[in-house]
Amino acid sequence: MHSSRRSYTKSKSQFEKISIEYHPLAYEEVTEAANFYESRQKNLGVKFLNSVEEALKMLQSNPLMWKADSIGRRKYHIKRFPFQLIYKMKESNIFILAVAHTSRRPGYWKLRG
């Protein structure tokens, strides 16, 4: 297993060109979560999506900073919401496997990659 902090070898400028791709189910998860929050409070869904965007920018600036499991999956906790981005590096892309609630159905996304 790699230590994500020790495996960081690229400069920030190299990471800025990284694109983001979503597993189709992960894209559905982020949409469903945003709709849920919006149904509870006006603009809360927008705040959730803004937090996801902030998280994605953080990942793009330094995707290897978070520890990888034995098959390269990493987790980033979204600020202000009980969700995490589960992702893998695929060539020069960040592939979002899941947008998972931190206390519901743990590990359901493991078969995605």
Protein backbone atom coordinates (compact mmCIF):
# COMPACT_ATOMS: atom_id res chain seq x y z
CA MET A 1 0.00 0.00 0.00
CA HIS A 2 1.31 3.44 -0.90
CA SER A 3 1.59 6.33 1.45
CA SER A 4 -0.13 9.08 -0.49
CA ARG A 5 2.02 11.84 0.97
CA ARG A 6 5.25 10.05 0.16
CA SER A 7 4.14 9.16 -3.36
CA TYR A 8 3.59 12.80 -4.30
CA THR A 9 6.12 13.49 -7.04
CA LYS A 10 4.41 15.77 -9.55
CA SER A 11 4.43 19.52 -9.36
CA LYS A 12 1.21 21.45 -8.87
CA SER A 13 1.29 22.67 -12.48
CA GLN A 14 1.24 19.06 -13.70
CA PHE A 15 -1.90 18.34 -11.67
CA GLU A 16 -3.80 21.41 -12.91
CA LYS A 17 -4.41 19.64 -16.24
CA ILE A 18 -6.13 16.67 -14.64
CA SER A 19 -9.69 16.13 -15.79
CA ILE A 20 -12.52 14.71 -13.72
CA GLU A 21 -14.74 11.86 -14.83
CA TYR A 22 -17.71 10.34 -12.97
CA HIS A 23 -18.86 6.77 -12.82
CA PRO A 24 -22.50 7.00 -14.04
CA LEU A 25 -23.81 5.95 -10.63
CA ALA A 26 -21.61 8.52 -8.86
CA TYR A 27 -23.08 11.24 -11.06
CA GLU A 28 -26.56 10.06 -10.04
CA GLU A 29 -25.53 10.11 -6.38
CA VAL A 30 -24.38 13.73 -6.46
CA THR A 31 -27.58 14.75 -8.26
CA GLU A 32 -29.81 12.85 -5.81
CA ALA A 33 -28.01 14.33 -2.79
CA ALA A 34 -28.31 17.87 -4.18
CA ASN A 35 -32.03 17.35 -4.88
CA PHE A 36 -32.54 15.97 -1.37
CA TYR A 37 -30.84 18.97 0.26
CA GLU A 38 -32.73 21.40 -1.96
CA SER A 39 -36.03 19.76 -0.96
CA ARG A 40 -35.16 20.34 2.69
CA GLN A 41 -34.06 23.95 2.42
CA LYS A 42 -33.92 26.44 -0.44
CA ASN A 43 -30.36 26.81 -1.79
CA LEU A 44 -28.99 24.00 0.40
CA GLY A 45 -28.68 21.81 -2.71
CA VAL A 46 -26.67 24.59 -4.37
CA LYS A 47 -24.43 24.79 -1.30
CA PHE A 48 -23.89 21.04 -1.49
CA LEU A 49 -22.91 21.28 -5.17
CA ASN A 50 -20.57 24.18 -4.37
CA SER A 51 -18.91 22.04 -1.69
CA VAL A 52 -18.51 19.22 -4.21
CA GLU A 53 -16.90 21.67 -6.65
CA GLU A 54 -14.51 22.88 -3.94
CA ALA A 55 -13.59 19.27 -3.21
CA LEU A 56 -12.95 18.57 -6.89
CA LYS A 57 -10.67 21.60 -7.15
CA MET A 58 -8.75 20.35 -4.11
CA LEU A 59 -8.38 16.94 -5.73
CA GLN A 60 -7.18 18.49 -8.98
CA SER A 61 -4.53 20.50 -7.16
CA ASN A 62 -3.13 17.50 -5.30
CA PRO A 63 -4.90 14.19 -6.04
CA LEU A 64 -2.26 11.98 -4.43
CA MET A 65 -2.37 13.66 -1.05
CA TRP A 66 -5.00 11.28 0.36
CA LYS A 67 -4.11 7.73 1.25
CA ALA A 68 -4.91 5.03 -1.29
CA ASP A 69 -6.19 1.58 -0.41
CA SER A 70 -4.62 -1.59 -1.81
CA ILE A 71 -6.19 -1.07 -5.24
CA GLY A 72 -5.71 2.68 -5.50
CA ARG A 73 -9.03 4.06 -4.26
CA ARG A 74 -8.88 7.27 -2.25
CA LYS A 75 -11.43 9.18 -0.15
CA TYR A 76 -11.92 12.90 0.25
CA HIS A 77 -14.46 14.20 2.77
CA ILE A 78 -16.67 16.98 1.46
CA LYS A 79 -16.69 19.97 3.79
CA ARG A 80 -19.92 20.86 5.62
CA PHE A 81 -21.75 17.71 4.42
CA PRO A 82 -21.59 14.05 5.50
CA PHE A 83 -20.36 12.84 2.11
CA GLN A 84 -17.08 11.73 0.67
CA LEU A 85 -15.74 11.45 -2.84
CA ILE A 86 -14.35 8.00 -3.56
CA TYR A 87 -11.94 8.24 -6.46
CA LYS A 88 -9.08 6.62 -8.34
CA MET A 89 -6.41 8.04 -10.56
CA LYS A 90 -6.74 6.73 -14.11
CA GLU A 91 -3.85 7.88 -16.27
CA SER A 92 -4.15 11.68 -16.08
CA ASN A 93 -7.75 11.71 -14.87
CA ILE A 94 -9.53 11.61 -11.55
CA PHE A 95 -12.29 9.04 -11.80
CA ILE A 96 -15.04 9.55 -9.21
CA LEU A 97 -16.33 6.12 -8.24
CA ALA A 98 -18.92 7.31 -5.71
CA VAL A 99 -20.32 10.29 -3.88
CA ALA A 100 -21.06 8.36 -0.72
CA HIS A 101 -22.79 9.31 2.50
CA THR A 102 -20.39 8.70 5.37
CA SER A 103 -22.82 6.69 7.52
CA ARG A 104 -25.11 4.94 5.06
CA ARG A 105 -24.40 1.66 3.30
CA PRO A 106 -20.64 1.59 3.96
CA GLY A 107 -18.60 0.09 1.14
CA TYR A 108 -21.47 -0.33 -1.34
CA TRP A 109 -19.30 1.30 -4.00
CA LYS A 110 -16.40 -1.18 -3.72
CA LEU A 111 -17.51 -3.20 -6.73
CA ARG A 112 -17.16 -0.10 -8.94
CA GLY A 113 -13.42 -0.28 -8.97
